[in-house]
mmCIF file of all heavy atoms, coordinates in Angstrom:
data_MODEL
# 
_entry.id   MODEL 
# 
loop_
_atom_site.group_PDB 
_atom_site.id 
_atom_site.type_symbol 
_atom_site.label_atom_id 
_atom_site.label_alt_id 
_atom_site.label_comp_id 
_atom_site.label_asym_id 
_atom_site.label_entity_id 
_atom_site.label_seq_id 
_atom_site.pdbx_PDB_ins_code 
_atom_site.Cartn_x 
_atom_site.Cartn_y 
_atom_site.Cartn_z 
_atom_site.occupancy 
_atom_site.B_iso_or_equiv 
_atom_site.pdbx_formal_charge 
_atom_site.auth_seq_id 
_atom_site.auth_comp_id 
_atom_site.auth_asym_id 
_atom_site.auth_atom_id 
_atom_site.pdbx_PDB_model_num 
ATOM 1   N N   . LYS A 1 1  ? -3.084  17.290  -4.746 1.00 0.00 ? 1  LYS A N   1 
ATOM 2   C CA  . LYS A 1 1  ? -4.069  16.422  -4.118 1.00 0.00 ? 1  LYS A CA  1 
ATOM 3   C C   . LYS A 1 1  ? -3.548  15.873  -2.793 1.00 0.00 ? 1  LYS A C   1 
ATOM 4   O O   . LYS A 1 1  ? -2.354  15.927  -2.493 1.00 0.00 ? 1  LYS A O   1 
ATOM 5   C CB  . LYS A 1 1  ? -4.430  15.249  -5.040 1.00 0.00 ? 1  LYS A CB  1 
ATOM 6   C CG  . LYS A 1 1  ? -4.965  15.650  -6.403 1.00 0.00 ? 1  LYS A CG  1 
ATOM 7   C CD  . LYS A 1 1  ? -6.368  16.215  -6.307 1.00 0.00 ? 1  LYS A CD  1 
ATOM 8   C CE  . LYS A 1 1  ? -6.948  16.492  -7.688 1.00 0.00 ? 1  LYS A CE  1 
ATOM 9   N NZ  . LYS A 1 1  ? -8.322  17.052  -7.608 1.00 0.00 ? 1  LYS A NZ  1 
ATOM 10  N N   . GLY A 1 2  ? -4.474  15.354  -2.014 1.00 0.00 ? 2  GLY A N   1 
ATOM 11  C CA  . GLY A 1 2  ? -4.173  14.638  -0.787 1.00 0.00 ? 2  GLY A CA  1 
ATOM 12  C C   . GLY A 1 2  ? -5.217  13.558  -0.594 1.00 0.00 ? 2  GLY A C   1 
ATOM 13  O O   . GLY A 1 2  ? -6.180  13.459  -1.364 1.00 0.00 ? 2  GLY A O   1 
ATOM 14  N N   . ALA A 1 3  ? -5.054  12.733  0.416  1.00 0.00 ? 3  ALA A N   1 
ATOM 15  C CA  . ALA A 1 3  ? -5.981  11.629  0.646  1.00 0.00 ? 3  ALA A CA  1 
ATOM 16  C C   . ALA A 1 3  ? -6.186  11.443  2.136  1.00 0.00 ? 3  ALA A C   1 
ATOM 17  O O   . ALA A 1 3  ? -5.381  11.884  2.966  1.00 0.00 ? 3  ALA A O   1 
ATOM 18  C CB  . ALA A 1 3  ? -5.462  10.342  0.007  1.00 0.00 ? 3  ALA A CB  1 
ATOM 19  N N   . GLN A 1 4  ? -7.278  10.766  2.465  1.00 0.00 ? 4  GLN A N   1 
ATOM 20  C CA  . GLN A 1 4  ? -7.592  10.455  3.856  1.00 0.00 ? 4  GLN A CA  1 
ATOM 21  C C   . GLN A 1 4  ? -7.548  8.964   4.150  1.00 0.00 ? 4  GLN A C   1 
ATOM 22  O O   . GLN A 1 4  ? -7.554  8.584   5.324  1.00 0.00 ? 4  GLN A O   1 
ATOM 23  C CB  . GLN A 1 4  ? -8.974  11.005  4.230  1.00 0.00 ? 4  GLN A CB  1 
ATOM 24  C CG  . GLN A 1 4  ? -9.023  12.504  4.406  1.00 0.00 ? 4  GLN A CG  1 
ATOM 25  C CD  . GLN A 1 4  ? -10.369 12.972  4.912  1.00 0.00 ? 4  GLN A CD  1 
ATOM 26  O OE1 . GLN A 1 4  ? -11.297 13.169  4.148  1.00 0.00 ? 4  GLN A OE1 1 
ATOM 27  N NE2 . GLN A 1 4  ? -10.485 13.139  6.214  1.00 0.00 ? 4  GLN A NE2 1 
ATOM 28  N N   . ALA A 1 5  ? -7.543  8.125   3.136  1.00 0.00 ? 5  ALA A N   1 
ATOM 29  C CA  . ALA A 1 5  ? -7.503  6.670   3.331  1.00 0.00 ? 5  ALA A CA  1 
ATOM 30  C C   . ALA A 1 5  ? -6.389  6.087   2.464  1.00 0.00 ? 5  ALA A C   1 
ATOM 31  O O   . ALA A 1 5  ? -6.244  6.458   1.285  1.00 0.00 ? 5  ALA A O   1 
ATOM 32  C CB  . ALA A 1 5  ? -8.846  6.039   2.971  1.00 0.00 ? 5  ALA A CB  1 
ATOM 33  N N   . PHE A 1 6  ? -5.641  5.178   3.047  1.00 0.00 ? 6  PHE A N   1 
ATOM 34  C CA  . PHE A 1 6  ? -4.525  4.539   2.350  1.00 0.00 ? 6  PHE A CA  1 
ATOM 35  C C   . PHE A 1 6  ? -4.613  3.031   2.567  1.00 0.00 ? 6  PHE A C   1 
ATOM 36  O O   . PHE A 1 6  ? -4.929  2.564   3.665  1.00 0.00 ? 6  PHE A O   1 
ATOM 37  C CB  . PHE A 1 6  ? -3.183  5.080   2.859  1.00 0.00 ? 6  PHE A CB  1 
ATOM 38  C CG  . PHE A 1 6  ? -3.018  6.563   2.690  1.00 0.00 ? 6  PHE A CG  1 
ATOM 39  C CD1 . PHE A 1 6  ? -3.426  7.447   3.692  1.00 0.00 ? 6  PHE A CD1 1 
ATOM 40  C CD2 . PHE A 1 6  ? -2.483  7.087   1.525  1.00 0.00 ? 6  PHE A CD2 1 
ATOM 41  C CE1 . PHE A 1 6  ? -3.296  8.804   3.537  1.00 0.00 ? 6  PHE A CE1 1 
ATOM 42  C CE2 . PHE A 1 6  ? -2.350  8.458   1.359  1.00 0.00 ? 6  PHE A CE2 1 
ATOM 43  C CZ  . PHE A 1 6  ? -2.755  9.323   2.369  1.00 0.00 ? 6  PHE A CZ  1 
ATOM 44  N N   . HIS A 1 7  ? -4.335  2.279   1.501  1.00 0.00 ? 7  HIS A N   1 
ATOM 45  C CA  . HIS A 1 7  ? -4.481  0.831   1.532  1.00 0.00 ? 7  HIS A CA  1 
ATOM 46  C C   . HIS A 1 7  ? -3.183  0.191   1.029  1.00 0.00 ? 7  HIS A C   1 
ATOM 47  O O   . HIS A 1 7  ? -2.667  0.575   -0.034 1.00 0.00 ? 7  HIS A O   1 
ATOM 48  C CB  . HIS A 1 7  ? -5.651  0.385   0.653  1.00 0.00 ? 7  HIS A CB  1 
ATOM 49  C CG  . HIS A 1 7  ? -6.893  1.218   0.842  1.00 0.00 ? 7  HIS A CG  1 
ATOM 50  N ND1 . HIS A 1 7  ? -7.784  1.001   1.863  1.00 0.00 ? 7  HIS A ND1 1 
ATOM 51  C CD2 . HIS A 1 7  ? -7.359  2.287   0.147  1.00 0.00 ? 7  HIS A CD2 1 
ATOM 52  C CE1 . HIS A 1 7  ? -8.757  1.896   1.788  1.00 0.00 ? 7  HIS A CE1 1 
ATOM 53  N NE2 . HIS A 1 7  ? -8.519  2.686   0.753  1.00 0.00 ? 7  HIS A NE2 1 
ATOM 54  N N   . LEU A 1 8  ? -2.697  -0.772  1.774  1.00 0.00 ? 8  LEU A N   1 
ATOM 55  C CA  . LEU A 1 8  ? -1.483  -1.505  1.419  1.00 0.00 ? 8  LEU A CA  1 
ATOM 56  C C   . LEU A 1 8  ? -1.884  -2.939  1.104  1.00 0.00 ? 8  LEU A C   1 
ATOM 57  O O   . LEU A 1 8  ? -2.416  -3.647  1.965  1.00 0.00 ? 8  LEU A O   1 
ATOM 58  C CB  . LEU A 1 8  ? -0.482  -1.463  2.573  1.00 0.00 ? 8  LEU A CB  1 
ATOM 59  C CG  . LEU A 1 8  ? 0.939   -1.936  2.256  1.00 0.00 ? 8  LEU A CG  1 
ATOM 60  C CD1 . LEU A 1 8  ? 1.623   -0.969  1.286  1.00 0.00 ? 8  LEU A CD1 1 
ATOM 61  C CD2 . LEU A 1 8  ? 1.754   -2.060  3.539  1.00 0.00 ? 8  LEU A CD2 1 
ATOM 62  N N   . PHE A 1 9  ? -1.645  -3.367  -0.124 1.00 0.00 ? 9  PHE A N   1 
ATOM 63  C CA  . PHE A 1 9  ? -1.981  -4.716  -0.563 1.00 0.00 ? 9  PHE A CA  1 
ATOM 64  C C   . PHE A 1 9  ? -0.698  -5.531  -0.708 1.00 0.00 ? 9  PHE A C   1 
ATOM 65  O O   . PHE A 1 9  ? 0.239   -5.109  -1.410 1.00 0.00 ? 9  PHE A O   1 
ATOM 66  C CB  . PHE A 1 9  ? -2.730  -4.682  -1.896 1.00 0.00 ? 9  PHE A CB  1 
ATOM 67  C CG  . PHE A 1 9  ? -4.025  -3.908  -1.836 1.00 0.00 ? 9  PHE A CG  1 
ATOM 68  C CD1 . PHE A 1 9  ? -4.097  -2.609  -2.323 1.00 0.00 ? 9  PHE A CD1 1 
ATOM 69  C CD2 . PHE A 1 9  ? -5.159  -4.462  -1.283 1.00 0.00 ? 9  PHE A CD2 1 
ATOM 70  C CE1 . PHE A 1 9  ? -5.268  -1.893  -2.266 1.00 0.00 ? 9  PHE A CE1 1 
ATOM 71  C CE2 . PHE A 1 9  ? -6.348  -3.751  -1.218 1.00 0.00 ? 9  PHE A CE2 1 
ATOM 72  C CZ  . PHE A 1 9  ? -6.405  -2.467  -1.712 1.00 0.00 ? 9  PHE A CZ  1 
ATOM 73  N N   . LEU A 1 10 ? -0.664  -6.684  -0.062 1.00 0.00 ? 10 LEU A N   1 
ATOM 74  C CA  . LEU A 1 10 ? 0.486   -7.589  -0.096 1.00 0.00 ? 10 LEU A CA  1 
ATOM 75  C C   . LEU A 1 10 ? 0.095   -8.834  -0.872 1.00 0.00 ? 10 LEU A C   1 
ATOM 76  O O   . LEU A 1 10 ? -0.779  -9.599  -0.432 1.00 0.00 ? 10 LEU A O   1 
ATOM 77  C CB  . LEU A 1 10 ? 0.926   -7.950  1.324  1.00 0.00 ? 10 LEU A CB  1 
ATOM 78  C CG  . LEU A 1 10 ? 1.061   -6.796  2.327  1.00 0.00 ? 10 LEU A CG  1 
ATOM 79  C CD1 . LEU A 1 10 ? 1.460   -7.327  3.697  1.00 0.00 ? 10 LEU A CD1 1 
ATOM 80  C CD2 . LEU A 1 10 ? 2.062   -5.768  1.831  1.00 0.00 ? 10 LEU A CD2 1 
ATOM 81  N N   . TYR A 1 11 ? 0.733   -9.052  -2.012 1.00 0.00 ? 11 TYR A N   1 
ATOM 82  C CA  . TYR A 1 11 ? 0.391   -10.170 -2.889 1.00 0.00 ? 11 TYR A CA  1 
ATOM 83  C C   . TYR A 1 11 ? 1.368   -11.317 -2.654 1.00 0.00 ? 11 TYR A C   1 
ATOM 84  O O   . TYR A 1 11 ? 2.571   -11.183 -2.894 1.00 0.00 ? 11 TYR A O   1 
ATOM 85  C CB  . TYR A 1 11 ? 0.412   -9.731  -4.353 1.00 0.00 ? 11 TYR A CB  1 
ATOM 86  C CG  . TYR A 1 11 ? -0.659  -8.713  -4.677 1.00 0.00 ? 11 TYR A CG  1 
ATOM 87  C CD1 . TYR A 1 11 ? -0.422  -7.352  -4.539 1.00 0.00 ? 11 TYR A CD1 1 
ATOM 88  C CD2 . TYR A 1 11 ? -1.916  -9.109  -5.103 1.00 0.00 ? 11 TYR A CD2 1 
ATOM 89  C CE1 . TYR A 1 11 ? -1.404  -6.411  -4.817 1.00 0.00 ? 11 TYR A CE1 1 
ATOM 90  C CE2 . TYR A 1 11 ? -2.908  -8.187  -5.390 1.00 0.00 ? 11 TYR A CE2 1 
ATOM 91  C CZ  . TYR A 1 11 ? -2.640  -6.843  -5.249 1.00 0.00 ? 11 TYR A CZ  1 
ATOM 92  O OH  . TYR A 1 11 ? -3.629  -5.935  -5.528 1.00 0.00 ? 11 TYR A OH  1 
ATOM 93  N N   . ARG A 1 12 ? 0.833   -12.434 -2.183 1.00 0.00 ? 12 ARG A N   1 
ATOM 94  C CA  . ARG A 1 12 ? 1.655   -13.595 -1.913 1.00 0.00 ? 12 ARG A CA  1 
ATOM 95  C C   . ARG A 1 12 ? 1.774   -14.463 -3.163 1.00 0.00 ? 12 ARG A C   1 
ATOM 96  O O   . ARG A 1 12 ? 0.921   -14.427 -4.052 1.00 0.00 ? 12 ARG A O   1 
ATOM 97  C CB  . ARG A 1 12 ? 1.052   -14.423 -0.766 1.00 0.00 ? 12 ARG A CB  1 
ATOM 98  C CG  . ARG A 1 12 ? 1.125   -13.713 0.547  1.00 0.00 ? 12 ARG A CG  1 
ATOM 99  C CD  . ARG A 1 12 ? 0.291   -14.309 1.658  1.00 0.00 ? 12 ARG A CD  1 
ATOM 100 N NE  . ARG A 1 12 ? 0.116   -15.741 1.616  1.00 0.00 ? 12 ARG A NE  1 
ATOM 101 C CZ  . ARG A 1 12 ? -0.458  -16.454 2.586  1.00 0.00 ? 12 ARG A CZ  1 
ATOM 102 N NH1 . ARG A 1 12 ? -0.887  -15.838 3.677  1.00 0.00 ? 12 ARG A NH1 1 
ATOM 103 N NH2 . ARG A 1 12 ? -0.601  -17.747 2.487  1.00 0.00 ? 12 ARG A NH2 1 
ATOM 104 N N   . VAL A 1 13 ? 2.834   -15.245 -3.211 1.00 0.00 ? 13 VAL A N   1 
ATOM 105 C CA  . VAL A 1 13 ? 3.071   -16.073 -4.382 1.00 0.00 ? 13 VAL A CA  1 
ATOM 106 C C   . VAL A 1 13 ? 2.089   -17.238 -4.449 1.00 0.00 ? 13 VAL A C   1 
ATOM 107 O O   . VAL A 1 13 ? 1.944   -17.861 -5.507 1.00 0.00 ? 13 VAL A O   1 
ATOM 108 C CB  . VAL A 1 13 ? 4.526   -16.603 -4.388 1.00 0.00 ? 13 VAL A CB  1 
ATOM 109 C CG1 . VAL A 1 13 ? 5.505   -15.468 -4.516 1.00 0.00 ? 13 VAL A CG1 1 
ATOM 110 C CG2 . VAL A 1 13 ? 4.809   -17.425 -3.135 1.00 0.00 ? 13 VAL A CG2 1 
ATOM 111 N N   . ASP A 1 14 ? 1.407   -17.574 -3.342 1.00 0.00 ? 14 ASP A N   1 
ATOM 112 C CA  . ASP A 1 14 ? 0.433   -18.669 -3.333 1.00 0.00 ? 14 ASP A CA  1 
ATOM 113 C C   . ASP A 1 14 ? -0.977  -18.150 -3.558 1.00 0.00 ? 14 ASP A C   1 
ATOM 114 O O   . ASP A 1 14 ? -1.922  -18.594 -2.917 1.00 0.00 ? 14 ASP A O   1 
ATOM 115 C CB  . ASP A 1 14 ? 0.515   -19.459 -2.024 1.00 0.00 ? 14 ASP A CB  1 
ATOM 116 C CG  . ASP A 1 14 ? 0.369   -18.559 -0.798 1.00 0.00 ? 14 ASP A CG  1 
ATOM 117 O OD1 . ASP A 1 14 ? 0.380   -17.328 -0.967 1.00 0.00 ? 14 ASP A OD1 1 
ATOM 118 O OD2 . ASP A 1 14 ? 0.240   -19.096 0.316  1.00 0.00 ? 14 ASP A OD2 1 
ATOM 119 N N   . HIS A 1 15 ? -1.123  -17.197 -4.498 1.00 0.00 ? 15 HIS A N   1 
ATOM 120 C CA  . HIS A 1 15 ? -2.378  -16.596 -4.953 1.00 0.00 ? 15 HIS A CA  1 
ATOM 121 C C   . HIS A 1 15 ? -3.289  -16.174 -3.798 1.00 0.00 ? 15 HIS A C   1 
ATOM 122 O O   . HIS A 1 15 ? -4.486  -16.441 -3.785 1.00 0.00 ? 15 HIS A O   1 
ATOM 123 C CB  . HIS A 1 15 ? -3.117  -17.503 -5.934 1.00 0.00 ? 15 HIS A CB  1 
ATOM 124 C CG  . HIS A 1 15 ? -3.594  -18.816 -5.384 1.00 0.00 ? 15 HIS A CG  1 
ATOM 125 N ND1 . HIS A 1 15 ? -4.717  -18.940 -4.639 1.00 0.00 ? 15 HIS A ND1 1 
ATOM 126 C CD2 . HIS A 1 15 ? -3.090  -20.060 -5.507 1.00 0.00 ? 15 HIS A CD2 1 
ATOM 127 C CE1 . HIS A 1 15 ? -4.908  -20.200 -4.297 1.00 0.00 ? 15 HIS A CE1 1 
ATOM 128 N NE2 . HIS A 1 15 ? -3.930  -20.901 -4.819 1.00 0.00 ? 15 HIS A NE2 1 
ATOM 129 N N   . LYS A 1 16 ? -2.727  -15.467 -2.828 1.00 0.00 ? 16 LYS A N   1 
ATOM 130 C CA  . LYS A 1 16 ? -3.513  -14.845 -1.773 1.00 0.00 ? 16 LYS A CA  1 
ATOM 131 C C   . LYS A 1 16 ? -3.042  -13.410 -1.602 1.00 0.00 ? 16 LYS A C   1 
ATOM 132 O O   . LYS A 1 16 ? -1.895  -13.088 -1.929 1.00 0.00 ? 16 LYS A O   1 
ATOM 133 C CB  . LYS A 1 16 ? -3.377  -15.609 -0.450 1.00 0.00 ? 16 LYS A CB  1 
ATOM 134 C CG  . LYS A 1 16 ? -4.022  -16.984 -0.468 1.00 0.00 ? 16 LYS A CG  1 
ATOM 135 C CD  . LYS A 1 16 ? -3.948  -17.653 0.893  1.00 0.00 ? 16 LYS A CD  1 
ATOM 136 C CE  . LYS A 1 16 ? -4.619  -19.021 0.866  1.00 0.00 ? 16 LYS A CE  1 
ATOM 137 N NZ  . LYS A 1 16 ? -4.561  -19.690 2.187  1.00 0.00 ? 16 LYS A NZ  1 
ATOM 138 N N   . VAL A 1 17 ? -3.928  -12.574 -1.102 1.00 0.00 ? 17 VAL A N   1 
ATOM 139 C CA  . VAL A 1 17 ? -3.594  -11.166 -0.932 1.00 0.00 ? 17 VAL A CA  1 
ATOM 140 C C   . VAL A 1 17 ? -4.012  -10.736 0.468  1.00 0.00 ? 17 VAL A C   1 
ATOM 141 O O   . VAL A 1 17 ? -5.084  -11.103 0.956  1.00 0.00 ? 17 VAL A O   1 
ATOM 142 C CB  . VAL A 1 17 ? -4.281  -10.285 -2.003 1.00 0.00 ? 17 VAL A CB  1 
ATOM 143 C CG1 . VAL A 1 17 ? -5.789  -10.432 -1.955 1.00 0.00 ? 17 VAL A CG1 1 
ATOM 144 C CG2 . VAL A 1 17 ? -3.892  -8.829  -1.848 1.00 0.00 ? 17 VAL A CG2 1 
ATOM 145 N N   . MET A 1 18 ? -3.147  -10.005 1.129  1.00 0.00 ? 18 MET A N   1 
ATOM 146 C CA  . MET A 1 18 ? -3.446  -9.409  2.427  1.00 0.00 ? 18 MET A CA  1 
ATOM 147 C C   . MET A 1 18 ? -3.535  -7.893  2.246  1.00 0.00 ? 18 MET A C   1 
ATOM 148 O O   . MET A 1 18 ? -2.852  -7.327  1.392  1.00 0.00 ? 18 MET A O   1 
ATOM 149 C CB  . MET A 1 18 ? -2.356  -9.751  3.446  1.00 0.00 ? 18 MET A CB  1 
ATOM 150 C CG  . MET A 1 18 ? -2.207  -11.235 3.717  1.00 0.00 ? 18 MET A CG  1 
ATOM 151 S SD  . MET A 1 18 ? -0.916  -11.570 4.954  1.00 0.00 ? 18 MET A SD  1 
ATOM 152 C CE  . MET A 1 18 ? 0.538   -11.046 4.044  1.00 0.00 ? 18 MET A CE  1 
ATOM 153 N N   . SER A 1 19 ? -4.374  -7.279  3.038  1.00 0.00 ? 19 SER A N   1 
ATOM 154 C CA  . SER A 1 19 ? -4.551  -5.831  2.912  1.00 0.00 ? 19 SER A CA  1 
ATOM 155 C C   . SER A 1 19 ? -4.522  -5.182  4.285  1.00 0.00 ? 19 SER A C   1 
ATOM 156 O O   . SER A 1 19 ? -5.031  -5.734  5.261  1.00 0.00 ? 19 SER A O   1 
ATOM 157 C CB  . SER A 1 19 ? -5.873  -5.495  2.210  1.00 0.00 ? 19 SER A CB  1 
ATOM 158 O OG  . SER A 1 19 ? -6.969  -5.963  2.964  1.00 0.00 ? 19 SER A OG  1 
ATOM 159 N N   . LEU A 1 20 ? -3.916  -4.013  4.343  1.00 0.00 ? 20 LEU A N   1 
ATOM 160 C CA  . LEU A 1 20 ? -3.889  -3.166  5.532  1.00 0.00 ? 20 LEU A CA  1 
ATOM 161 C C   . LEU A 1 20 ? -4.413  -1.796  5.120  1.00 0.00 ? 20 LEU A C   1 
ATOM 162 O O   . LEU A 1 20 ? -3.987  -1.248  4.101  1.00 0.00 ? 20 LEU A O   1 
ATOM 163 C CB  . LEU A 1 20 ? -2.470  -3.035  6.095  1.00 0.00 ? 20 LEU A CB  1 
ATOM 164 C CG  . LEU A 1 20 ? -1.771  -4.309  6.587  1.00 0.00 ? 20 LEU A CG  1 
ATOM 165 C CD1 . LEU A 1 20 ? -0.352  -3.976  7.029  1.00 0.00 ? 20 LEU A CD1 1 
ATOM 166 C CD2 . LEU A 1 20 ? -2.541  -4.929  7.724  1.00 0.00 ? 20 LEU A CD2 1 
ATOM 167 N N   . SER A 1 21 ? -5.322  -1.252  5.914  1.00 0.00 ? 21 SER A N   1 
ATOM 168 C CA  . SER A 1 21 ? -5.909  0.050   5.617  1.00 0.00 ? 21 SER A CA  1 
ATOM 169 C C   . SER A 1 21 ? -5.759  0.961   6.817  1.00 0.00 ? 21 SER A C   1 
ATOM 170 O O   . SER A 1 21 ? -5.949  0.523   7.963  1.00 0.00 ? 21 SER A O   1 
ATOM 171 C CB  . SER A 1 21 ? -7.386  -0.084  5.239  1.00 0.00 ? 21 SER A CB  1 
ATOM 172 O OG  . SER A 1 21 ? -7.548  -0.847  4.060  1.00 0.00 ? 21 SER A OG  1 
ATOM 173 N N   . VAL A 1 22 ? -5.425  2.208   6.563  1.00 0.00 ? 22 VAL A N   1 
ATOM 174 C CA  . VAL A 1 22 ? -5.318  3.226   7.606  1.00 0.00 ? 22 VAL A CA  1 
ATOM 175 C C   . VAL A 1 22 ? -6.051  4.468   7.129  1.00 0.00 ? 22 VAL A C   1 
ATOM 176 O O   . VAL A 1 22 ? -6.261  4.671   5.933  1.00 0.00 ? 22 VAL A O   1 
ATOM 177 C CB  . VAL A 1 22 ? -3.846  3.562   7.937  1.00 0.00 ? 22 VAL A CB  1 
ATOM 178 C CG1 . VAL A 1 22 ? -3.132  2.353   8.526  1.00 0.00 ? 22 VAL A CG1 1 
ATOM 179 C CG2 . VAL A 1 22 ? -3.110  4.064   6.702  1.00 0.00 ? 22 VAL A CG2 1 
ATOM 180 N N   . ASN A 1 23 ? -6.437  5.302   8.089  1.00 0.00 ? 23 ASN A N   1 
ATOM 181 C CA  . ASN A 1 23 ? -7.181  6.514   7.780  1.00 0.00 ? 23 ASN A CA  1 
ATOM 182 C C   . ASN A 1 23 ? -6.546  7.703   8.484  1.00 0.00 ? 23 ASN A C   1 
ATOM 183 O O   . ASN A 1 23 ? -5.876  7.560   9.512  1.00 0.00 ? 23 ASN A O   1 
ATOM 184 C CB  . ASN A 1 23 ? -8.640  6.377   8.214  1.00 0.00 ? 23 ASN A CB  1 
ATOM 185 C CG  . ASN A 1 23 ? -9.364  5.286   7.461  1.00 0.00 ? 23 ASN A CG  1 
ATOM 186 O OD1 . ASN A 1 23 ? -9.671  5.428   6.285  1.00 0.00 ? 23 ASN A OD1 1 
ATOM 187 N ND2 . ASN A 1 23 ? -9.635  4.184   8.139  1.00 0.00 ? 23 ASN A ND2 1 
ATOM 188 N N   . SER A 1 24 ? -6.789  8.863   7.912  1.00 0.00 ? 24 SER A N   1 
ATOM 189 C CA  . SER A 1 24 ? -6.290  10.120  8.474  1.00 0.00 ? 24 SER A CA  1 
ATOM 190 C C   . SER A 1 24 ? -7.459  11.052  8.721  1.00 0.00 ? 24 SER A C   1 
ATOM 191 O O   . SER A 1 24 ? -8.412  11.096  7.930  1.00 0.00 ? 24 SER A O   1 
ATOM 192 C CB  . SER A 1 24 ? -5.276  10.766  7.520  1.00 0.00 ? 24 SER A CB  1 
ATOM 193 O OG  . SER A 1 24 ? -4.878  12.039  7.984  1.00 0.00 ? 24 SER A OG  1 
# 
């Protein structure tokens, strides 16, 4: 398999989440 979209989720200890998404 392969993919065209990738997502990076960063979970902070103060119950918040940041996300970064890139595409190919």
